Amino acid sequence: MRTVLDPAIAEAVSRLSDEEIVRRVLAGEPALFELIVRRYNQRLFRATRAILRDDHAAEDAMQETYLRAFVNLDQFAGEARFSTWLTKIAVYEARGRLRRSQPHETLPEDVSTNSDNPEQIAYSRELQVAMELAADTLPQLYRSVFVLRELEQLSVAETAECLEITEESVKTRLHRARALLRRHLERVLGTAATQAFSYLGPRCDRMTATVMERVGDL
C-alpha cells in the first residue's frame, strides 16, 4: 500500500532541508520521502538520461535510485550534501545499466527527432529541441558533465564529486563539450539550457506516485 503524504503536511514541511527530511524519515515518517522525490526528479532525470540517452531507461534508473536511497538512508553520513549523495547513486545506477546494455558506447552518426513524442512536440521553441538533440550527440563522458554543469547548474566541485572525477577534468570536459556543439547553439545556450530535458508536471507526478507506491511496499 502506498504511503501518502497529506497535502497540508507537505506544505508545512516543504521548506525543510534535505537533511531534516532524512532525519524525520529515519525517525518514522516515511511519507516525507515524497518531498525528496519531487525535489530531485528533474535533476535525476537529467543525470540518468545524459548517460542512457533514453527516457524510459532513465525513468527506470530513477526509480531504482530512489529505492536504493530509501533503504540506505541510514548510510547517509552527512559528509557531503544529500543532493550530491543522491545524484551519485543515480550516476552509478545509470552507468551500470549502460555497461550491461552497451559495453562499447559509440557516437551516433545521425540523430533525428521523434515526432511521436507528445511531450517533445509540446515544447514551444524549436531551439530547445535542437539543443537537446545536439547534447545527445556528445560522447557520454562529456555529456554527463555538460548536463550537470549547464542544465542542472551544479558547481564544478559538486559535478566532480557526483561523477568521481577531478575538478580539472570537469573543466576540460565541459570545454570540449561546448566545442563539439554547433556555434549557433553555443550562442544561445544560456537561455535554452535551463528548459531542456524538463521533468515537471504530469511526469513528475507519475514518477513520484510510482516511487512512493514501491516505498510503501518495502
N, C-alpha and C. Protein backbone atom coordinates (compact mmCIF):
# COMPACT_ATOMS: atom_id res chain seq x y z
N MET A 1 0.85 -1.21 0.00
CA MET A 1 0.00 0.00 0.00
C MET A 1 0.87 1.24 0.00
N ARG A 2 0.49 2.21 -0.79
CA ARG A 2 1.28 3.43 -0.89
C ARG A 2 1.16 4.27 0.37
N THR A 3 2.32 4.82 0.80
CA THR A 3 2.34 5.78 1.90
C THR A 3 2.05 7.15 1.33
N VAL A 4 0.96 7.78 1.79
CA VAL A 4 0.51 9.04 1.22
C VAL A 4 0.87 10.20 2.14
N LEU A 5 1.43 11.23 1.56
CA LEU A 5 1.77 12.43 2.32
C LEU A 5 0.61 13.42 2.23
N ASP A 6 0.05 13.76 3.36
CA ASP A 6 -1.06 14.70 3.39
C ASP A 6 -0.63 16.05 2.82
N PRO A 7 -1.45 16.65 1.93
CA PRO A 7 -1.08 17.93 1.31
C PRO A 7 -0.76 19.03 2.32
N ALA A 8 -1.49 19.05 3.41
CA ALA A 8 -1.24 20.07 4.43
C ALA A 8 0.13 19.89 5.06
N ILE A 9 0.49 18.63 5.29
CA ILE A 9 1.80 18.34 5.85
C ILE A 9 2.89 18.70 4.85
N ALA A 10 2.63 18.35 3.58
CA ALA A 10 3.61 18.65 2.54
C ALA A 10 3.89 20.15 2.48
N GLU A 11 2.84 20.95 2.57
CA GLU A 11 3.01 22.40 2.53
C GLU A 11 3.79 22.89 3.74
N ALA A 12 3.51 22.31 4.89
CA ALA A 12 4.15 22.76 6.13
C ALA A 12 5.63 22.44 6.17
N VAL A 13 6.02 21.33 5.55
CA VAL A 13 7.42 20.90 5.65
C VAL A 13 8.19 21.10 4.35
N SER A 14 7.57 21.74 3.37
CA SER A 14 8.21 21.87 2.06
C SER A 14 9.51 22.65 2.11
N ARG A 15 9.68 23.47 3.14
CA ARG A 15 10.89 24.27 3.24
C ARG A 15 11.95 23.63 4.13
N LEU A 16 11.71 22.40 4.56
CA LEU A 16 12.71 21.70 5.36
C LEU A 16 13.94 21.38 4.52
N SER A 17 15.09 21.34 5.14
CA SER A 17 16.29 20.94 4.43
C SER A 17 16.24 19.45 4.12
N ASP A 18 17.03 19.03 3.16
CA ASP A 18 17.10 17.60 2.84
C ASP A 18 17.49 16.79 4.07
N GLU A 19 18.45 17.30 4.80
CA GLU A 19 18.97 16.57 5.95
C GLU A 19 17.91 16.39 7.03
N GLU A 20 17.07 17.40 7.22
CA GLU A 20 15.99 17.29 8.21
C GLU A 20 14.94 16.29 7.74
N ILE A 21 14.64 16.30 6.46
CA ILE A 21 13.69 15.32 5.93
C ILE A 21 14.22 13.91 6.14
N VAL A 22 15.49 13.70 5.83
CA VAL A 22 16.11 12.38 6.02
C VAL A 22 16.01 11.97 7.49
N ARG A 23 16.31 12.88 8.38
CA ARG A 23 16.26 12.55 9.81
C ARG A 23 14.86 12.12 10.22
N ARG A 24 13.86 12.83 9.71
CA ARG A 24 12.48 12.51 10.09
C ARG A 24 11.98 11.22 9.43
N VAL A 25 12.43 10.95 8.20
CA VAL A 25 12.08 9.67 7.57
C VAL A 25 12.65 8.53 8.39
N LEU A 26 13.89 8.65 8.80
CA LEU A 26 14.53 7.60 9.59
C LEU A 26 13.89 7.46 10.97
N ALA A 27 13.29 8.56 11.45
CA ALA A 27 12.64 8.54 12.76
C ALA A 27 11.22 7.99 12.71
N GLY A 28 10.75 7.63 11.51
CA GLY A 28 9.43 7.01 11.43
C GLY A 28 8.39 7.77 10.63
N GLU A 29 8.82 8.69 9.75
CA GLU A 29 7.88 9.42 8.89
C GLU A 29 8.22 9.16 7.43
N PRO A 30 8.05 7.95 6.94
CA PRO A 30 8.45 7.61 5.57
C PRO A 30 7.72 8.41 4.49
N ALA A 31 6.52 8.90 4.80
CA ALA A 31 5.77 9.66 3.79
C ALA A 31 6.51 10.92 3.37
N LEU A 32 7.38 11.43 4.23
CA LEU A 32 8.12 12.64 3.89
C LEU A 32 9.11 12.41 2.76
N PHE A 33 9.39 11.16 2.46
CA PHE A 33 10.32 10.87 1.36
C PHE A 33 9.77 11.38 0.03
N GLU A 34 8.45 11.55 -0.05
CA GLU A 34 7.84 12.10 -1.26
C GLU A 34 8.42 13.47 -1.59
N LEU A 35 8.75 14.25 -0.57
CA LEU A 35 9.34 15.57 -0.81
C LEU A 35 10.69 15.45 -1.51
N ILE A 36 11.46 14.45 -1.10
CA ILE A 36 12.75 14.22 -1.74
C ILE A 36 12.56 13.86 -3.21
N VAL A 37 11.59 12.99 -3.48
CA VAL A 37 11.35 12.55 -4.85
C VAL A 37 10.96 13.74 -5.72
N ARG A 38 10.01 14.53 -5.26
CA ARG A 38 9.58 15.69 -6.05
C ARG A 38 10.70 16.72 -6.20
N ARG A 39 11.50 16.86 -5.19
CA ARG A 39 12.56 17.85 -5.21
C ARG A 39 13.65 17.50 -6.22
N TYR A 40 13.88 16.22 -6.44
CA TYR A 40 15.02 15.82 -7.27
C TYR A 40 14.65 15.05 -8.53
N ASN A 41 13.39 14.97 -8.88
CA ASN A 41 13.01 14.29 -10.11
C ASN A 41 13.72 14.86 -11.34
N GLN A 42 13.71 16.17 -11.46
CA GLN A 42 14.31 16.78 -12.65
C GLN A 42 15.80 16.52 -12.72
N ARG A 43 16.49 16.71 -11.59
CA ARG A 43 17.94 16.51 -11.61
C ARG A 43 18.28 15.06 -11.95
N LEU A 44 17.60 14.10 -11.32
CA LEU A 44 17.93 12.70 -11.57
C LEU A 44 17.58 12.29 -12.99
N PHE A 45 16.48 12.84 -13.52
CA PHE A 45 16.14 12.53 -14.91
C PHE A 45 17.24 13.01 -15.84
N ARG A 46 17.67 14.23 -15.64
CA ARG A 46 18.73 14.77 -16.49
C ARG A 46 20.03 13.99 -16.34
N ALA A 47 20.39 13.65 -15.10
CA ALA A 47 21.64 12.94 -14.86
C ALA A 47 21.63 11.55 -15.47
N THR A 48 20.52 10.82 -15.30
CA THR A 48 20.46 9.45 -15.83
C THR A 48 20.29 9.44 -17.34
N ARG A 49 19.51 10.39 -17.86
CA ARG A 49 19.31 10.43 -19.31
C ARG A 49 20.58 10.84 -20.03
N ALA A 50 21.41 11.66 -19.40
CA ALA A 50 22.68 12.04 -20.01
C ALA A 50 23.55 10.82 -20.27
N ILE A 51 23.40 9.80 -19.44
CA ILE A 51 24.19 8.59 -19.58
C ILE A 51 23.50 7.59 -20.50
N LEU A 52 22.19 7.43 -20.34
CA LEU A 52 21.46 6.38 -21.06
C LEU A 52 20.86 6.81 -22.38
N ARG A 53 20.62 8.10 -22.55
CA ARG A 53 20.06 8.66 -23.78
C ARG A 53 18.72 8.02 -24.16
N ASP A 54 17.93 7.68 -23.19
CA ASP A 54 16.62 7.10 -23.44
C ASP A 54 15.72 7.45 -22.27
N ASP A 55 14.56 8.03 -22.55
CA ASP A 55 13.67 8.49 -21.48
C ASP A 55 13.22 7.34 -20.58
N HIS A 56 12.80 6.24 -21.18
CA HIS A 56 12.28 5.12 -20.39
C HIS A 56 13.37 4.49 -19.53
N ALA A 57 14.55 4.31 -20.11
CA ALA A 57 15.66 3.74 -19.35
C ALA A 57 16.05 4.68 -18.21
N ALA A 58 16.00 5.98 -18.46
CA ALA A 58 16.32 6.95 -17.42
C ALA A 58 15.31 6.88 -16.28
N GLU A 59 14.03 6.73 -16.62
CA GLU A 59 13.00 6.63 -15.58
C GLU A 59 13.16 5.37 -14.75
N ASP A 60 13.52 4.26 -15.39
CA ASP A 60 13.77 3.03 -14.65
C ASP A 60 14.94 3.22 -13.68
N ALA A 61 15.98 3.88 -14.17
CA ALA A 61 17.14 4.14 -13.32
C ALA A 61 16.77 5.06 -12.16
N MET A 62 15.90 6.03 -12.43
CA MET A 62 15.46 6.93 -11.36
C MET A 62 14.75 6.17 -10.25
N GLN A 63 13.83 5.28 -10.65
CA GLN A 63 13.10 4.52 -9.64
C GLN A 63 14.04 3.72 -8.75
N GLU A 64 14.99 3.04 -9.38
CA GLU A 64 15.93 2.23 -8.60
C GLU A 64 16.79 3.11 -7.71
N THR A 65 17.13 4.28 -8.20
CA THR A 65 17.92 5.22 -7.40
C THR A 65 17.18 5.60 -6.13
N TYR A 66 15.92 5.98 -6.28
CA TYR A 66 15.14 6.38 -5.11
C TYR A 66 14.98 5.22 -4.13
N LEU A 67 14.74 4.02 -4.64
CA LEU A 67 14.58 2.87 -3.74
C LEU A 67 15.88 2.55 -3.02
N ARG A 68 16.98 2.61 -3.73
CA ARG A 68 18.29 2.37 -3.11
C ARG A 68 18.56 3.42 -2.03
N ALA A 69 18.24 4.66 -2.37
CA ALA A 69 18.45 5.73 -1.40
C ALA A 69 17.58 5.53 -0.17
N PHE A 70 16.33 5.16 -0.38
CA PHE A 70 15.40 5.00 0.74
C PHE A 70 15.87 3.90 1.69
N VAL A 71 16.24 2.75 1.14
CA VAL A 71 16.61 1.63 2.01
C VAL A 71 18.00 1.82 2.63
N ASN A 72 18.76 2.78 2.10
CA ASN A 72 20.10 3.02 2.64
C ASN A 72 20.24 4.41 3.25
N LEU A 73 19.14 5.02 3.62
CA LEU A 73 19.20 6.37 4.19
C LEU A 73 20.08 6.43 5.43
N ASP A 74 20.12 5.33 6.20
CA ASP A 74 20.92 5.34 7.41
C ASP A 74 22.42 5.38 7.11
N GLN A 75 22.79 5.17 5.83
CA GLN A 75 24.20 5.22 5.44
C GLN A 75 24.62 6.63 5.01
N PHE A 76 23.64 7.52 4.91
CA PHE A 76 23.98 8.90 4.57
C PHE A 76 24.65 9.54 5.78
N ALA A 77 25.94 9.83 5.64
CA ALA A 77 26.72 10.30 6.79
C ALA A 77 26.72 11.81 6.93
N GLY A 78 26.21 12.52 5.95
CA GLY A 78 26.19 13.97 6.05
C GLY A 78 27.52 14.63 5.74
N GLU A 79 28.49 13.84 5.25
CA GLU A 79 29.79 14.42 4.92
C GLU A 79 29.72 15.24 3.63
N ALA A 80 28.81 14.89 2.76
CA ALA A 80 28.55 15.66 1.54
C ALA A 80 27.09 16.09 1.57
N ARG A 81 26.71 16.95 0.64
CA ARG A 81 25.30 17.35 0.56
C ARG A 81 24.47 16.14 0.17
N PHE A 82 23.25 16.08 0.69
CA PHE A 82 22.37 14.96 0.36
C PHE A 82 22.12 14.89 -1.14
N SER A 83 21.96 16.05 -1.77
CA SER A 83 21.71 16.08 -3.21
C SER A 83 22.85 15.44 -3.99
N THR A 84 24.08 15.65 -3.52
CA THR A 84 25.24 15.04 -4.16
C THR A 84 25.24 13.53 -3.95
N TRP A 85 24.94 13.11 -2.73
CA TRP A 85 24.87 11.68 -2.41
C TRP A 85 23.84 10.98 -3.28
N LEU A 86 22.68 11.61 -3.43
CA LEU A 86 21.60 11.02 -4.23
C LEU A 86 21.97 10.99 -5.72
N THR A 87 22.58 12.05 -6.21
CA THR A 87 22.97 12.10 -7.62
C THR A 87 24.03 11.06 -7.93
N LYS A 88 24.95 10.82 -6.99
CA LYS A 88 25.97 9.80 -7.21
C LYS A 88 25.34 8.42 -7.33
N ILE A 89 24.32 8.15 -6.54
CA ILE A 89 23.62 6.86 -6.65
C ILE A 89 23.00 6.74 -8.03
N ALA A 90 22.41 7.83 -8.52
CA ALA A 90 21.79 7.82 -9.85
C ALA A 90 22.83 7.57 -10.94
N VAL A 91 23.98 8.20 -10.81
CA VAL A 91 25.05 8.02 -11.79
C VAL A 91 25.54 6.57 -11.79
N TYR A 92 25.73 5.99 -10.59
CA TYR A 92 26.14 4.58 -10.50
C TYR A 92 25.12 3.68 -11.18
N GLU A 93 23.84 3.93 -10.89
CA GLU A 93 22.78 3.09 -11.43
C GLU A 93 22.74 3.19 -12.96
N ALA A 94 22.81 4.40 -13.48
CA ALA A 94 22.75 4.59 -14.93
C ALA A 94 23.97 3.99 -15.62
N ARG A 95 25.13 4.19 -15.03
CA ARG A 95 26.34 3.63 -15.63
C ARG A 95 26.30 2.11 -15.65
N GLY A 96 25.78 1.52 -14.58
CA GLY A 96 25.66 0.07 -14.53
C GLY A 96 24.75 -0.45 -15.62
N ARG A 97 23.64 0.23 -15.82
CA ARG A 97 22.70 -0.17 -16.87
C ARG A 97 23.34 0.00 -18.25
N LEU A 98 24.10 1.07 -18.43
CA LEU A 98 24.75 1.29 -19.72
C LEU A 98 25.77 0.19 -20.00
N ARG A 99 26.54 -0.18 -18.99
CA ARG A 99 27.54 -1.23 -19.18
C ARG A 99 26.89 -2.55 -19.57
N ARG A 100 25.75 -2.84 -18.95
CA ARG A 100 25.08 -4.10 -19.25
C ARG A 100 24.44 -4.11 -20.64
N SER A 101 23.97 -2.95 -21.08
CA SER A 101 23.26 -2.91 -22.36
C SER A 101 24.15 -2.52 -23.53
N GLN A 102 25.13 -1.68 -23.28
CA GLN A 102 26.01 -1.20 -24.35
C GLN A 102 27.44 -1.15 -23.83
N PRO A 103 28.14 -2.27 -23.84
CA PRO A 103 29.51 -2.29 -23.31
C PRO A 103 30.43 -1.30 -23.99
N HIS A 104 30.20 -1.04 -25.27
CA HIS A 104 31.05 -0.12 -26.02
C HIS A 104 30.17 0.94 -26.67
N GLU A 105 29.98 2.04 -25.96
CA GLU A 105 29.13 3.10 -26.48
C GLU A 105 29.82 3.79 -27.65
N THR A 106 29.08 4.06 -28.70
CA THR A 106 29.61 4.76 -29.85
C THR A 106 28.81 6.02 -30.11
N LEU A 107 29.45 6.98 -30.73
CA LEU A 107 28.78 8.24 -31.07
C LEU A 107 27.85 8.01 -32.25
N PRO A 108 26.58 8.32 -32.13
CA PRO A 108 25.66 8.09 -33.23
C PRO A 108 26.00 8.95 -34.44
N GLU A 109 25.83 8.37 -35.63
CA GLU A 109 26.13 9.12 -36.84
C GLU A 109 25.04 10.14 -37.14
N ASP A 110 23.83 9.84 -36.71
CA ASP A 110 22.73 10.75 -37.02
C ASP A 110 21.73 10.72 -35.89
N VAL A 111 21.19 11.86 -35.55
CA VAL A 111 20.17 11.95 -34.52
C VAL A 111 18.96 12.64 -35.11
N SER A 112 17.80 12.03 -34.99
CA SER A 112 16.58 12.63 -35.56
C SER A 112 15.54 12.77 -34.48
N THR A 113 14.59 13.65 -34.68
CA THR A 113 13.55 13.86 -33.70
C THR A 113 12.53 12.73 -33.76
N ASN A 114 11.88 12.51 -32.63
CA ASN A 114 10.81 11.51 -32.58
C ASN A 114 9.49 12.26 -32.60
N SER A 115 8.87 12.31 -33.77
CA SER A 115 7.67 13.12 -33.93
C SER A 115 6.47 12.53 -33.19
N ASP A 116 6.62 11.27 -32.69
CA ASP A 116 5.52 10.65 -31.97
C ASP A 116 5.56 10.95 -30.48
N ASN A 117 6.58 11.69 -30.04
CA ASN A 117 6.71 12.02 -28.62
C ASN A 117 5.91 13.29 -28.34
N PRO A 118 4.75 13.18 -27.69
CA PRO A 118 3.90 14.37 -27.49
C PRO A 118 4.55 15.42 -26.62
N GLU A 119 5.38 15.00 -25.65
CA GLU A 119 5.99 16.00 -24.78
C GLU A 119 7.02 16.81 -25.54
N GLN A 120 7.74 16.18 -26.46
CA GLN A 120 8.71 16.93 -27.24
C GLN A 120 8.02 17.86 -28.22
N ILE A 121 6.91 17.38 -28.81
CA ILE A 121 6.15 18.22 -29.73
C ILE A 121 5.63 19.46 -29.01
N ALA A 122 5.31 19.28 -27.72
CA ALA A 122 4.70 20.36 -26.96
C ALA A 122 5.67 21.48 -26.64
N TYR A 123 6.94 21.28 -26.78
CA TYR A 123 7.88 22.36 -26.50
C TYR A 123 7.57 23.56 -27.39
N SER A 124 7.59 24.72 -26.82
CA SER A 124 7.18 25.90 -27.56
C SER A 124 8.25 26.44 -28.48
N ARG A 125 9.49 26.04 -28.26
CA ARG A 125 10.55 26.59 -29.09
C ARG A 125 11.36 25.49 -29.74
N GLU A 126 11.58 25.60 -31.02
CA GLU A 126 12.37 24.61 -31.74
C GLU A 126 13.81 24.60 -31.24
N LEU A 127 14.26 25.74 -30.74
CA LEU A 127 15.63 25.84 -30.25
C LEU A 127 15.89 24.84 -29.13
N GLN A 128 14.92 24.71 -28.24
CA GLN A 128 15.09 23.81 -27.11
C GLN A 128 15.28 22.38 -27.59
N VAL A 129 14.48 21.95 -28.55
CA VAL A 129 14.59 20.61 -29.09
C VAL A 129 15.93 20.44 -29.78
N ALA A 130 16.35 21.44 -30.55
CA ALA A 130 17.62 21.37 -31.26
C ALA A 130 18.78 21.24 -30.27
N MET A 131 18.70 21.95 -29.16
CA MET A 131 19.76 21.88 -28.17
C MET A 131 19.83 20.50 -27.54
N GLU A 132 18.67 19.91 -27.27
CA GLU A 132 18.64 18.57 -26.69
C GLU A 132 19.26 17.56 -27.65
N LEU A 133 18.90 17.68 -28.92
CA LEU A 133 19.44 16.75 -29.90
C LEU A 133 20.95 16.91 -30.05
N ALA A 134 21.41 18.15 -30.02
CA ALA A 134 22.84 18.39 -30.10
C ALA A 134 23.56 17.81 -28.89
N ALA A 135 22.97 17.96 -27.71
CA ALA A 135 23.57 17.41 -26.50
C ALA A 135 23.66 15.89 -26.56
N ASP A 136 22.66 15.27 -27.17
CA ASP A 136 22.65 13.81 -27.28
C ASP A 136 23.77 13.28 -28.16
N THR A 137 24.31 14.10 -29.03
CA THR A 137 25.39 13.63 -29.90
C THR A 137 26.75 13.64 -29.20
N LEU A 138 26.82 14.25 -28.02
CA LEU A 138 28.09 14.30 -27.30
C LEU A 138 28.46 12.93 -26.77
N PRO A 139 29.74 12.57 -26.77
CA PRO A 139 30.16 11.34 -26.09
C PRO A 139 29.75 11.39 -24.63
N GLN A 140 29.48 10.24 -24.04
CA GLN A 140 28.90 10.20 -22.70
C GLN A 140 29.73 10.91 -21.64
N LEU A 141 31.05 10.79 -21.69
CA LEU A 141 31.87 11.40 -20.64
C LEU A 141 31.79 12.92 -20.68
N TYR A 142 31.54 13.49 -21.88
CA TYR A 142 31.34 14.93 -21.98
C TYR A 142 29.89 15.29 -21.67
N ARG A 143 28.97 14.44 -22.11
CA ARG A 143 27.54 14.74 -21.95
C ARG A 143 27.15 14.84 -20.48
N SER A 144 27.67 13.95 -19.64
CA SER A 144 27.31 13.98 -18.22
C SER A 144 27.77 15.27 -17.57
N VAL A 145 28.98 15.69 -17.88
CA VAL A 145 29.49 16.95 -17.33
C VAL A 145 28.66 18.12 -17.84
N PHE A 146 28.36 18.11 -19.12
CA PHE A 146 27.58 19.19 -19.73
C PHE A 146 26.21 19.32 -19.06
N VAL A 147 25.53 18.20 -18.87
CA VAL A 147 24.19 18.22 -18.28
C VAL A 147 24.23 18.72 -16.84
N LEU A 148 25.15 18.20 -16.04
CA LEU A 148 25.20 18.60 -14.64
C LEU A 148 25.63 20.06 -14.47
N ARG A 149 26.57 20.51 -15.29
CA ARG A 149 27.06 21.88 -15.15
C ARG A 149 26.12 22.90 -15.80
N GLU A 150 25.70 22.65 -17.04
CA GLU A 150 24.94 23.64 -17.77
C GLU A 150 23.43 23.56 -17.53
N LEU A 151 22.89 22.35 -17.46
CA LEU A 151 21.46 22.21 -17.29
C LEU A 151 21.07 22.28 -15.82
N GLU A 152 21.76 21.50 -14.99
CA GLU A 152 21.44 21.50 -13.56
C GLU A 152 22.19 22.58 -12.80
N GLN A 153 23.19 23.17 -13.43
CA GLN A 153 23.95 24.28 -12.88
C GLN A 153 24.62 23.92 -11.56
N LEU A 154 25.12 22.69 -11.48
CA LEU A 154 25.93 22.31 -10.33
C LEU A 154 27.28 23.01 -10.41
N SER A 155 27.90 23.19 -9.28
CA SER A 155 29.23 23.78 -9.28
C SER A 155 30.25 22.78 -9.83
N VAL A 156 31.44 23.27 -10.11
CA VAL A 156 32.50 22.38 -10.58
C VAL A 156 32.78 21.31 -9.53
N ALA A 157 32.84 21.72 -8.26
CA ALA A 157 33.13 20.78 -7.18
C ALA A 157 32.04 19.72 -7.05
N GLU A 158 30.77 20.13 -7.11
CA GLU A 158 29.66 19.18 -7.00
C GLU A 158 29.66 18.20 -8.16
N THR A 159 29.89 18.71 -9.36
CA THR A 159 29.93 17.84 -10.54
C THR A 159 31.06 16.82 -10.42
N ALA A 160 32.22 17.28 -9.98
CA ALA A 160 33.36 16.38 -9.81
C ALA A 160 33.05 15.28 -8.80
N GLU A 161 32.38 15.65 -7.72
CA GLU A 161 32.06 14.65 -6.69
C GLU A 161 31.02 13.66 -7.19
N CYS A 162 30.00 14.14 -7.90
CA CYS A 162 28.96 13.24 -8.42
C CYS A 162 29.52 12.23 -9.41
N LEU A 163 30.44 12.68 -10.25
CA LEU A 163 30.98 11.82 -11.30
C LEU A 163 32.28 11.15 -10.89
N GLU A 164 32.79 11.51 -9.71
CA GLU A 164 34.04 10.96 -9.19
C GLU A 164 35.20 11.18 -10.15
N ILE A 165 35.33 12.43 -10.57
CA ILE A 165 36.47 12.85 -11.39
C ILE A 165 37.03 14.12 -10.75
N THR A 166 38.17 14.58 -11.24
CA THR A 166 38.77 15.77 -10.67
C THR A 166 38.06 17.02 -11.18
N GLU A 167 38.22 18.11 -10.44
CA GLU A 167 37.63 19.37 -10.88
C GLU A 167 38.25 19.83 -12.19
N GLU A 168 39.54 19.55 -12.38
CA GLU A 168 40.19 19.91 -13.64
C GLU A 168 39.59 19.14 -14.80
N SER A 169 39.22 17.87 -14.56
CA SER A 169 38.58 17.07 -15.60
C SER A 169 37.21 17.63 -15.96
N VAL A 170 36.49 18.11 -14.94
CA VAL A 170 35.19 18.73 -15.19
C VAL A 170 35.35 19.92 -16.13
N LYS A 171 36.32 20.77 -15.82
CA LYS A 171 36.53 21.96 -16.64
C LYS A 171 36.94 21.59 -18.07
N THR A 172 37.83 20.60 -18.18
CA THR A 172 38.31 20.19 -19.50
C THR A 172 37.19 19.58 -20.33
N ARG A 173 36.41 18.69 -19.70
CA ARG A 173 35.34 18.02 -20.44
C ARG A 173 34.24 18.99 -20.83
N LEU A 174 33.94 19.96 -19.96
CA LEU A 174 32.92 20.94 -20.31
C LEU A 174 33.39 21.79 -21.48
N HIS A 175 34.66 22.15 -21.47
CA HIS A 175 35.21 22.94 -22.57
C HIS A 175 35.11 22.16 -23.88
N ARG A 176 35.43 20.88 -23.85
CA ARG A 176 35.37 20.05 -25.05
C ARG A 176 33.93 19.82 -25.50
N ALA A 177 33.03 19.70 -24.53
CA ALA A 177 31.62 19.52 -24.87
C ALA A 177 31.10 20.74 -25.62
N ARG A 178 31.44 21.90 -25.10
CA ARG A 178 30.99 23.12 -25.76
C ARG A 178 31.57 23.23 -27.18
N ALA A 179 32.83 22.82 -27.31
CA ALA A 179 33.47 22.91 -28.62
C ALA A 179 32.82 21.98 -29.63
N LEU A 180 32.24 20.87 -29.17
CA LEU A 180 31.61 19.91 -30.06
C LEU A 180 30.21 20.34 -30.49
N LEU A 181 29.62 21.23 -29.75
CA LEU A 181 28.29 21.71 -30.13
C LEU A 181 28.39 22.78 -31.21
N ARG A 182 27.35 22.92 -31.94
CA ARG A 182 27.36 23.89 -33.02
C ARG A 182 27.48 25.31 -32.47
N ARG A 183 28.11 26.18 -33.25
CA ARG A 183 28.34 27.55 -32.82
C ARG A 183 27.03 28.28 -32.52
N HIS A 184 26.05 28.11 -33.35
CA HIS A 184 24.82 28.86 -33.13
C HIS A 184 24.08 28.40 -31.88
N LEU A 185 24.28 27.11 -31.46
CA LEU A 185 23.69 26.65 -30.21
C LEU A 185 24.43 27.25 -29.03
N GLU A 186 25.73 27.34 -29.14
CA GLU A 186 26.51 27.87 -28.03
C GLU A 186 26.16 29.33 -27.74
N ARG A 187 25.82 30.08 -28.79
CA ARG A 187 25.48 31.49 -28.58
C ARG A 187 24.20 31.66 -27.75
N VAL A 188 23.31 30.68 -27.82
CA VAL A 188 22.03 30.80 -27.11
C VAL A 188 21.89 29.79 -25.99
N LEU A 189 22.98 29.15 -25.63
CA LEU A 189 22.94 28.08 -24.65
C LEU A 189 22.35 28.52 -23.33
N GLY A 190 22.68 29.72 -22.88
CA GLY A 190 22.22 30.16 -21.58
C GLY A 190 20.72 30.15 -21.42
N THR A 191 19.97 30.55 -22.45
CA THR A 191 18.51 30.60 -22.35
C THR A 191 17.86 29.26 -22.62
N ALA A 192 18.50 28.43 -23.44
CA ALA A 192 17.89 27.15 -23.78
C ALA A 192 18.15 26.08 -22.73
N ALA A 193 19.32 26.14 -22.10
CA ALA A 193 19.74 25.03 -21.26
C ALA A 193 18.83 24.78 -20.07
N THR A 194 18.33 25.82 -19.44
CA THR A 194 17.54 25.61 -18.23
C THR A 194 16.21 24.94 -18.49
N GLN A 195 15.75 24.92 -19.76
CA GLN A 195 14.47 24.32 -20.09
C GLN A 195 14.59 22.93 -20.70
N ALA A 196 15.79 22.53 -21.10
CA ALA A 196 15.96 21.26 -21.80
C ALA A 196 15.80 20.07 -20.87
N PHE A 197 15.31 18.95 -21.43
CA PHE A 197 15.09 17.72 -20.69
C PHE A 197 14.29 17.98 -19.42
N SER A 198 13.26 18.78 -19.52
CA SER A 198 12.45 19.11 -18.34
C SER A 198 11.71 17.87 -17.85
N TYR A 199 11.48 17.85 -16.55
CA TYR A 199 10.78 16.70 -15.96
C TYR A 199 9.83 17.23 -14.91
N LEU A 200 8.82 17.93 -15.39
CA LEU A 200 7.89 18.62 -14.50
C LEU A 200 6.47 18.15 -14.75
N GLY A 201 5.51 18.71 -14.00
CA GLY A 201 4.10 18.44 -14.23
C GLY A 201 3.73 16.98 -14.11
N PRO A 202 2.96 16.44 -15.08
CA PRO A 202 2.48 15.06 -15.02
C PRO A 202 3.59 14.04 -14.91
N ARG A 203 4.72 14.29 -15.57
CA ARG A 203 5.81 13.33 -15.50
C ARG A 203 6.35 13.24 -14.07
N CYS A 204 6.51 14.38 -13.44
CA CYS A 204 6.98 14.40 -12.05
C CYS A 204 5.98 13.69 -11.15
N ASP A 205 4.70 13.97 -11.35
CA ASP A 205 3.65 13.34 -10.54
C ASP A 205 3.66 11.83 -10.71
N ARG A 206 3.81 11.39 -11.96
CA ARG A 206 3.79 9.95 -12.23
C ARG A 206 4.97 9.24 -11.56
N MET A 207 6.16 9.82 -11.69
CA MET A 207 7.34 9.21 -11.07
C MET A 207 7.20 9.19 -9.55
N THR A 208 6.72 10.30 -8.99
CA THR A 208 6.57 10.38 -7.54
C THR A 208 5.60 9.33 -7.03
N ALA A 209 4.46 9.18 -7.71
CA ALA A 209 3.46 8.19 -7.31
C ALA A 209 4.02 6.77 -7.39
N THR A 210 4.78 6.49 -8.44
CA THR A 210 5.35 5.15 -8.62
C THR A 210 6.37 4.84 -7.54
N VAL A 211 7.24 5.80 -7.27
CA VAL A 211 8.28 5.59 -6.25
C VAL A 211 7.65 5.39 -4.88
N MET A 212 6.68 6.23 -4.53
CA MET A 212 6.07 6.13 -3.21
C MET A 212 5.27 4.84 -3.07
N GLU A 213 4.70 4.36 -4.18
CA GLU A 213 3.99 3.07 -4.16
C GLU A 213 4.96 1.96 -3.81
N ARG A 214 6.15 2.00 -4.43
CA ARG A 214 7.15 0.97 -4.18
C ARG A 214 7.77 1.11 -2.79
N VAL A 215 7.95 2.34 -2.34
CA VAL A 215 8.45 2.58 -0.99
C VAL A 215 7.48 2.00 0.04
N GLY A 216 6.19 2.21 -0.21
CA GLY A 216 5.18 1.69 0.71
C GLY A 216 5.16 0.17 0.80
N ASP A 217 5.69 -0.50 -0.23
CA ASP A 217 5.72 -1.95 -0.23
C ASP A 217 6.97 -2.53 0.42
N LEU A 218 7.92 -1.67 0.76
CA LEU A 218 9.17 -2.15 1.35
C LEU A 218 8.97 -2.60 2.79
